[in-house]
């Protein structure tokens, strides 16, 4: 049975494909604390063998897409979609993951994305009890979506508001990617904070 995933979406049967795509991104960078704690993040997601997972990369990263396609050619349980945001997700998923890209849903280059509709689509695609994982760069409290296009950050409270409005429950949050020395005023690409941004990690659950 082929498992639909999406990176651009990427779907997997355990965590191997997710770990593979994340490890590839890690190999292209250096000094990645706290941005890449792959084993810990996968443990937080709490995947089980056989789970159907969608790993959404909202922006088109040609190098990453090539790597994902190469991985998919080796693992028959991976299906790659080039338009994970525009295309409906497959039904019956156990987990949907969007990492460092939720803020992009609000950016002009992603238009026309209706974020409420997108989150409702994630809700519909998940099985009862399924989880929606959001990992992103934190913006200043109270800034809402004001920094998504300029600093590539989003207020964590805005994410909670968005996702809870779609019918999810907040199941867990983790500070494993937090960095209190980041004052949230710089772009995530600024050399002084790149790979060291303050990041939040939420696990939302679709009620059973």
C-alpha atoms as a PDB file:
ATOM      1  CA  UNK A   1       0.000   0.000   0.000  1.00  0.00           C
ATOM      2  CA  UNK A   2       1.396   3.395  -0.973  1.00  0.00           C
ATOM      3  CA  UNK A   3       1.222   6.062   1.691  1.00  0.00           C
ATOM      4  CA  UNK A   4       0.423   9.551   0.428  1.00  0.00           C
ATOM      5  CA  UNK A   5       2.775  12.194   1.836  1.00  0.00           C
ATOM      6  CA  UNK A   6       3.508  15.629   0.723  1.00  0.00           C
ATOM      7  CA  UNK A   7       6.715  17.826   0.819  1.00  0.00           C
ATOM      8  CA  UNK A   8       5.550  19.835  -1.348  1.00  0.00           C
ATOM      9  CA  UNK A   9       3.766  16.988   0.666  1.00  0.00           C
ATOM     10  CA  UNK A  10       5.636  13.922   1.557  1.00  0.00           C
ATOM     11  CA  UNK A  11       3.812  10.952   3.194  1.00  0.00           C
ATOM     12  CA  UNK A  12       5.513   8.145   5.128  1.00  0.00           C
ATOM     13  CA  UNK A  13       4.905   4.927   7.019  1.00  0.00           C
ATOM     14  CA  UNK A  14       7.042   5.593  10.048  1.00  0.00           C
ATOM     15  CA  UNK A  15       9.426   8.526  10.340  1.00  0.00           C
ATOM     16  CA  UNK A  16      12.061   7.442   7.863  1.00  0.00           C
ATOM     17  CA  UNK A  17      11.032   9.738   5.060  1.00  0.00           C
ATOM     18  CA  UNK A  18      10.600  12.714   7.347  1.00  0.00           C
ATOM     19  CA  UNK A  19      13.950  12.064   8.966  1.00  0.00           C
ATOM     20  CA  UNK A  20      15.485  11.688   5.519  1.00  0.00           C
ATOM     21  CA  UNK A  21      14.168  14.998   4.214  1.00  0.00           C
ATOM     22  CA  UNK A  22      15.099  16.814   7.411  1.00  0.00           C
ATOM     23  CA  UNK A  23      18.551  15.258   7.495  1.00  0.00           C
ATOM     24  CA  UNK A  24      19.101  16.393   3.920  1.00  0.00           C
ATOM     25  CA  UNK A  25      18.238  19.957   4.918  1.00  0.00           C
ATOM     26  CA  UNK A  26      20.564  19.590   7.892  1.00  0.00           C
ATOM     27  CA  UNK A  27      23.417  18.454   5.673  1.00  0.00           C
ATOM     28  CA  UNK A  28      23.205  21.691   3.698  1.00  0.00           C
ATOM     29  CA  UNK A  29      23.576  23.862   6.791  1.00  0.00           C
ATOM     30  CA  UNK A  30      25.908  24.250   9.724  1.00  0.00           C
ATOM     31  CA  UNK A  31      25.521  25.348  13.356  1.00  0.00           C
ATOM     32  CA  UNK A  32      21.931  24.166  13.450  1.00  0.00           C
ATOM     33  CA  UNK A  33      21.128  24.381  17.160  1.00  0.00           C
ATOM     34  CA  UNK A  34      18.333  24.684  17.985  1.00  0.00           C
ATOM     35  CA  UNK A  35      16.794  24.398  14.516  1.00  0.00           C
ATOM     36  CA  UNK A  36      17.326  20.679  13.845  1.00  0.00           C
ATOM     37  CA  UNK A  37      16.558  18.247  16.661  1.00  0.00           C
ATOM     38  CA  UNK A  38      15.189  15.623  14.335  1.00  0.00           C
ATOM     39  CA  UNK A  39      14.971  12.625  16.702  1.00  0.00           C
ATOM     40  CA  UNK A  40      13.423  14.707  19.482  1.00  0.00           C
ATOM     41  CA  UNK A  41      10.905  16.334  17.164  1.00  0.00           C
ATOM     42  CA  UNK A  42       9.890  13.009  15.650  1.00  0.00           C
ATOM     43  CA  UNK A  43       9.467  11.622  19.179  1.00  0.00           C
ATOM     44  CA  UNK A  44       7.251  14.616  20.018  1.00  0.00           C
ATOM     45  CA  UNK A  45       5.091  13.879  16.977  1.00  0.00           C
ATOM     46  CA  UNK A  46       4.679  10.364  18.420  1.00  0.00           C
ATOM     47  CA  UNK A  47       4.540   8.484  15.124  1.00  0.00           C
ATOM     48  CA  UNK A  48       3.909   4.767  15.090  1.00  0.00           C
ATOM     49  CA  UNK A  49       4.910   2.194  12.521  1.00  0.00           C
ATOM     50  CA  UNK A  50       2.408   2.238   9.677  1.00  0.00           C
ATOM     51  CA  UNK A  51       1.190   5.792  10.315  1.00  0.00           C
ATOM     52  CA  UNK A  52       0.090   7.817   7.297  1.00  0.00           C
ATOM     53  CA  UNK A  53       1.843  11.194   7.438  1.00  0.00           C
ATOM     54  CA  UNK A  54       1.806  14.362   5.366  1.00  0.00           C
ATOM     55  CA  UNK A  55       4.945  16.496   5.712  1.00  0.00           C
ATOM     56  CA  UNK A  56       4.119  19.820   4.083  1.00  0.00           C
ATOM     57  CA  UNK A  57       6.740  22.176   2.703  1.00  0.00           C
ATOM     58  CA  UNK A  58       4.725  25.220   1.738  1.00  0.00           C
ATOM     59  CA  UNK A  59       7.420  26.862  -0.370  1.00  0.00           C
ATOM     60  CA  UNK A  60       9.002  25.244  -3.386  1.00  0.00           C
ATOM     61  CA  UNK A  61      12.565  24.258  -2.511  1.00  0.00           C
ATOM     62  CA  UNK A  62      13.944  22.692  -5.722  1.00  0.00           C
ATOM     63  CA  UNK A  63      16.919  20.987  -4.043  1.00  0.00           C
ATOM     64  CA  UNK A  64      14.767  19.515  -1.292  1.00  0.00           C
ATOM     65  CA  UNK A  65      12.143  18.381  -3.780  1.00  0.00           C
ATOM     66  CA  UNK A  66      14.817  16.567  -5.800  1.00  0.00           C
ATOM     67  CA  UNK A  67      16.036  14.824  -2.654  1.00  0.00           C
ATOM     68  CA  UNK A  68      12.504  13.848  -1.685  1.00  0.00           C
ATOM     69  CA  UNK A  69      11.887  12.430  -5.156  1.00  0.00           C
ATOM     70  CA  UNK A  70      15.101  10.440  -4.859  1.00  0.00           C
ATOM     71  CA  UNK A  71      13.969   9.141  -1.478  1.00  0.00           C
ATOM     72  CA  UNK A  72      10.544   8.278  -2.888  1.00  0.00           C
ATOM     73  CA  UNK A  73      12.177   6.252  -5.663  1.00  0.00           C
ATOM     74  CA  UNK A  74      13.789   4.065  -3.007  1.00  0.00           C
ATOM     75  CA  UNK A  75      10.815   3.760  -0.654  1.00  0.00           C
ATOM     76  CA  UNK A  76       7.527   2.638  -2.205  1.00  0.00           C
ATOM     77  CA  UNK A  77       5.494   3.992   0.709  1.00  0.00           C
ATOM     78  CA  UNK A  78       6.217   7.626  -0.252  1.00  0.00           C
ATOM     79  CA  UNK A  79       4.101   9.675  -2.634  1.00  0.00           C
ATOM     80  CA  UNK A  80       5.162  13.213  -3.557  1.00  0.00           C
ATOM     81  CA  UNK A  81       2.758  15.993  -4.488  1.00  0.00           C
ATOM     82  CA  UNK A  82       4.041  19.190  -6.096  1.00  0.00           C
ATOM     83  CA  UNK A  83       1.127  21.292  -4.836  1.00  0.00           C
ATOM     84  CA  UNK A  84       0.391  20.263  -1.253  1.00  0.00           C
ATOM     85  CA  UNK A  85      -1.231  23.547  -0.304  1.00  0.00           C
ATOM     86  CA  UNK A  86      -3.387  23.910  -3.404  1.00  0.00           C
ATOM     87  CA  UNK A  87      -4.362  20.235  -3.640  1.00  0.00           C
ATOM     88  CA  UNK A  88      -6.600  18.415  -1.141  1.00  0.00           C
ATOM     89  CA  UNK A  89      -4.808  16.161   1.298  1.00  0.00           C
ATOM     90  CA  UNK A  90      -5.638  12.445   1.172  1.00  0.00           C
ATOM     91  CA  UNK A  91      -8.124  11.247   3.751  1.00  0.00           C
ATOM     92  CA  UNK A  92      -7.266   8.996   6.671  1.00  0.00           C
ATOM     93  CA  UNK A  93      -3.983  10.575   7.761  1.00  0.00           C
ATOM     94  CA  UNK A  94      -2.523  10.015  11.224  1.00  0.00           C
ATOM     95  CA  UNK A  95      -0.414  13.174  11.222  1.00  0.00           C
ATOM     96  CA  UNK A  96       0.114  16.374   9.250  1.00  0.00           C
ATOM     97  CA  UNK A  97       3.319  18.331   9.803  1.00  0.00           C
ATOM     98  CA  UNK A  98       4.176  21.855   8.658  1.00  0.00           C
ATOM     99  CA  UNK A  99       7.585  23.116   9.750  1.00  0.00           C
ATOM    100  CA  UNK A 100       8.962  26.644   9.496  1.00  0.00           C
ATOM    101  CA  UNK A 101       6.411  27.314   6.760  1.00  0.00           C
ATOM    102  CA  UNK A 102       3.102  28.007   8.474  1.00  0.00           C
ATOM    103  CA  UNK A 103       3.910  31.721   8.369  1.00  0.00           C
ATOM    104  CA  UNK A 104       4.333  31.457   4.585  1.00  0.00           C
ATOM    105  CA  UNK A 105       0.636  30.692   4.217  1.00  0.00           C
ATOM    106  CA  UNK A 106       0.100  34.403   4.904  1.00  0.00           C
ATOM    107  CA  UNK A 107       2.749  35.669   2.463  1.00  0.00           C
ATOM    108  CA  UNK A 108       2.034  37.158  -0.953  1.00  0.00           C
ATOM    109  CA  UNK A 109       3.996  34.493  -2.819  1.00  0.00           C
ATOM    110  CA  UNK A 110       1.619  31.849  -1.453  1.00  0.00           C
ATOM    111  CA  UNK A 111      -1.528  33.687  -2.550  1.00  0.00           C
ATOM    112  CA  UNK A 112      -4.320  32.881  -2.842  1.00  0.00           C
ATOM    113  CA  UNK A 113      -4.214  30.776   0.343  1.00  0.00           C
ATOM    114  CA  UNK A 114      -7.202  30.921   2.663  1.00  0.00           C
ATOM    115  CA  UNK A 115      -5.562  29.843   5.912  1.00  0.00           C
ATOM    116  CA  UNK A 116      -8.858  28.973   7.580  1.00  0.00           C
ATOM    117  CA  UNK A 117      -9.785  26.744   4.641  1.00  0.00           C
ATOM    118  CA  UNK A 118      -6.312  25.166   4.672  1.00  0.00           C
ATOM    119  CA  UNK A 119      -6.580  24.295   8.366  1.00  0.00           C
ATOM    120  CA  UNK A 120     -10.074  22.911   7.878  1.00  0.00           C
ATOM    121  CA  UNK A 121      -8.655  20.770   5.083  1.00  0.00           C
ATOM    122  CA  UNK A 122      -6.012  19.404   7.445  1.00  0.00           C
ATOM    123  CA  UNK A 123      -8.734  18.677  10.003  1.00  0.00           C
ATOM    124  CA  UNK A 124     -10.818  16.810   7.427  1.00  0.00           C
ATOM    125  CA  UNK A 125      -7.847  14.767   6.197  1.00  0.00           C
ATOM    126  CA  UNK A 126      -6.904  13.495   9.639  1.00  0.00           C
ATOM    127  CA  UNK A 127      -8.402  10.465  11.320  1.00  0.00           C
ATOM    128  CA  UNK A 128     -10.156  11.106  14.639  1.00  0.00           C
ATOM    129  CA  UNK A 129      -7.322  11.367  17.140  1.00  0.00           C
ATOM    130  CA  UNK A 130      -4.860  12.397  14.422  1.00  0.00           C
ATOM    131  CA  UNK A 131      -2.326  15.134  15.103  1.00  0.00           C
ATOM    132  CA  UNK A 132      -1.403  18.395  13.400  1.00  0.00           C
ATOM    133  CA  UNK A 133       2.157  19.518  14.151  1.00  0.00           C
ATOM    134  CA  UNK A 134       3.158  23.159  13.675  1.00  0.00           C
ATOM    135  CA  UNK A 135       6.799  24.207  14.087  1.00  0.00           C
ATOM    136  CA  UNK A 136       7.737  27.781  13.201  1.00  0.00           C
ATOM    137  CA  UNK A 137       9.817  30.852  14.033  1.00  0.00           C
ATOM    138  CA  UNK A 138       8.304  32.941  16.826  1.00  0.00           C
ATOM    139  CA  UNK A 139       7.410  36.591  16.331  1.00  0.00           C
ATOM    140  CA  UNK A 140       6.775  39.079  19.116  1.00  0.00           C
ATOM    141  CA  UNK A 141       3.711  38.433  21.228  1.00  0.00           C
ATOM    142  CA  UNK A 142       0.766  40.417  19.945  1.00  0.00           C
ATOM    143  CA  UNK A 143       2.226  40.878  16.445  1.00  0.00           C
ATOM    144  CA  UNK A 144      -0.207  38.450  14.845  1.00  0.00           C
ATOM    145  CA  UNK A 145       0.703  38.033  11.181  1.00  0.00           C
ATOM    146  CA  UNK A 146       2.549  41.362  10.958  1.00  0.00           C
ATOM    147  CA  UNK A 147       5.992  39.768  10.587  1.00  0.00           C
ATOM    148  CA  UNK A 148       5.265  36.860   8.257  1.00  0.00           C
ATOM    149  CA  UNK A 149       6.447  38.546   5.061  1.00  0.00           C
ATOM    150  CA  UNK A 150       9.205  40.724   6.520  1.00  0.00           C
ATOM    151  CA  UNK A 151      10.823  38.660   9.279  1.00  0.00           C
ATOM    152  CA  UNK A 152       9.424  35.249   8.268  1.00  0.00           C
ATOM    153  CA  UNK A 153       7.998  34.791  11.752  1.00  0.00           C
ATOM    154  CA  UNK A 154       4.532  34.449  13.236  1.00  0.00           C
ATOM    155  CA  UNK A 155       3.065  35.115  16.671  1.00  0.00           C
ATOM    156  CA  UNK A 156       2.557  31.694  18.309  1.00  0.00           C
ATOM    157  CA  UNK A 157      -0.748  32.893  19.733  1.00  0.00           C
ATOM    158  CA  UNK A 158      -2.019  33.533  16.199  1.00  0.00           C
ATOM    159  CA  UNK A 159      -1.235  29.942  15.234  1.00  0.00           C
ATOM    160  CA  UNK A 160      -3.164  28.654  18.240  1.00  0.00           C
ATOM    161  CA  UNK A 161      -6.124  30.866  17.366  1.00  0.00           C
ATOM    162  CA  UNK A 162      -6.100  29.722  13.736  1.00  0.00           C
ATOM    163  CA  UNK A 163      -5.815  26.017  14.450  1.00  0.00           C
ATOM    164  CA  UNK A 164      -8.233  25.864  17.362  1.00  0.00           C
ATOM    165  CA  UNK A 165     -10.804  27.646  15.186  1.00  0.00           C
ATOM    166  CA  UNK A 166     -10.587  24.725  12.752  1.00  0.00           C
ATOM    167  CA  UNK A 167     -11.811  22.341  15.463  1.00  0.00           C
ATOM    168  CA  UNK A 168      -8.516  21.074  16.881  1.00  0.00           C
ATOM    169  CA  UNK A 169      -7.548  20.739  20.531  1.00  0.00           C
ATOM    170  CA  UNK A 170      -4.088  21.756  21.771  1.00  0.00           C
ATOM    171  CA  UNK A 171      -2.575  18.424  22.811  1.00  0.00           C
ATOM    172  CA  UNK A 172       0.998  19.426  23.731  1.00  0.00           C
ATOM    173  CA  UNK A 173       3.649  22.070  23.231  1.00  0.00           C
ATOM    174  CA  UNK A 174       7.404  21.886  23.564  1.00  0.00           C
ATOM    175  CA  UNK A 175      10.163  24.386  24.290  1.00  0.00           C
ATOM    176  CA  UNK A 176      12.900  22.157  22.848  1.00  0.00           C
ATOM    177  CA  UNK A 177      13.478  24.648  20.013  1.00  0.00           C
ATOM    178  CA  UNK A 178      13.116  27.786  22.130  1.00  0.00           C
ATOM    179  CA  UNK A 179      15.901  30.354  22.297  1.00  0.00           C
ATOM    180  CA  UNK A 180      15.280  33.143  24.852  1.00  0.00           C
ATOM    181  CA  UNK A 181      18.219  35.159  23.505  1.00  0.00           C
ATOM    182  CA  UNK A 182      16.326  35.780  20.251  1.00  0.00           C
ATOM    183  CA  UNK A 183      14.481  39.090  20.695  1.00  0.00           C
ATOM    184  CA  UNK A 184      12.176  38.437  17.683  1.00  0.00           C
ATOM    185  CA  UNK A 185      13.156  41.683  15.915  1.00  0.00           C
ATOM    186  CA  UNK A 186      15.389  40.239  13.188  1.00  0.00           C
ATOM    187  CA  UNK A 187      14.654  38.295  10.042  1.00  0.00           C
ATOM    188  CA  UNK A 188      15.248  34.578  10.436  1.00  0.00           C
ATOM    189  CA  UNK A 189      17.864  34.971   7.668  1.00  0.00           C
ATOM    190  CA  UNK A 190      19.864  37.569   9.616  1.00  0.00           C
ATOM    191  CA  UNK A 191      23.302  36.013  10.235  1.00  0.00           C
ATOM    192  CA  UNK A 192      23.136  36.878  13.936  1.00  0.00           C
ATOM    193  CA  UNK A 193      20.103  34.616  14.489  1.00  0.00           C
ATOM    194  CA  UNK A 194      20.009  32.249  11.542  1.00  0.00           C
ATOM    195  CA  UNK A 195      19.710  28.634  12.749  1.00  0.00           C
ATOM    196  CA  UNK A 196      19.281  29.985  16.296  1.00  0.00           C
ATOM    197  CA  UNK A 197      15.826  31.538  16.169  1.00  0.00           C
ATOM    198  CA  UNK A 198      13.290  31.113  18.917  1.00  0.00           C
ATOM    199  CA  UNK A 199      10.917  28.454  17.608  1.00  0.00           C
ATOM    200  CA  UNK A 200       7.671  27.029  18.925  1.00  0.00           C
ATOM    201  CA  UNK A 201       6.412  23.487  18.507  1.00  0.00           C
ATOM    202  CA  UNK A 202       2.731  22.591  18.930  1.00  0.00           C
ATOM    203  CA  UNK A 203       0.870  19.320  18.673  1.00  0.00           C
ATOM    204  CA  UNK A 204      -2.828  19.758  17.985  1.00  0.00           C
ATOM    205  CA  UNK A 205      -5.213  16.813  17.964  1.00  0.00           C
ATOM    206  CA  UNK A 206      -8.441  16.147  16.121  1.00  0.00           C
ATOM    207  CA  UNK A 207     -11.005  15.046  18.720  1.00  0.00           C
ATOM    208  CA  UNK A 208     -11.876  11.354  18.674  1.00  0.00           C
END
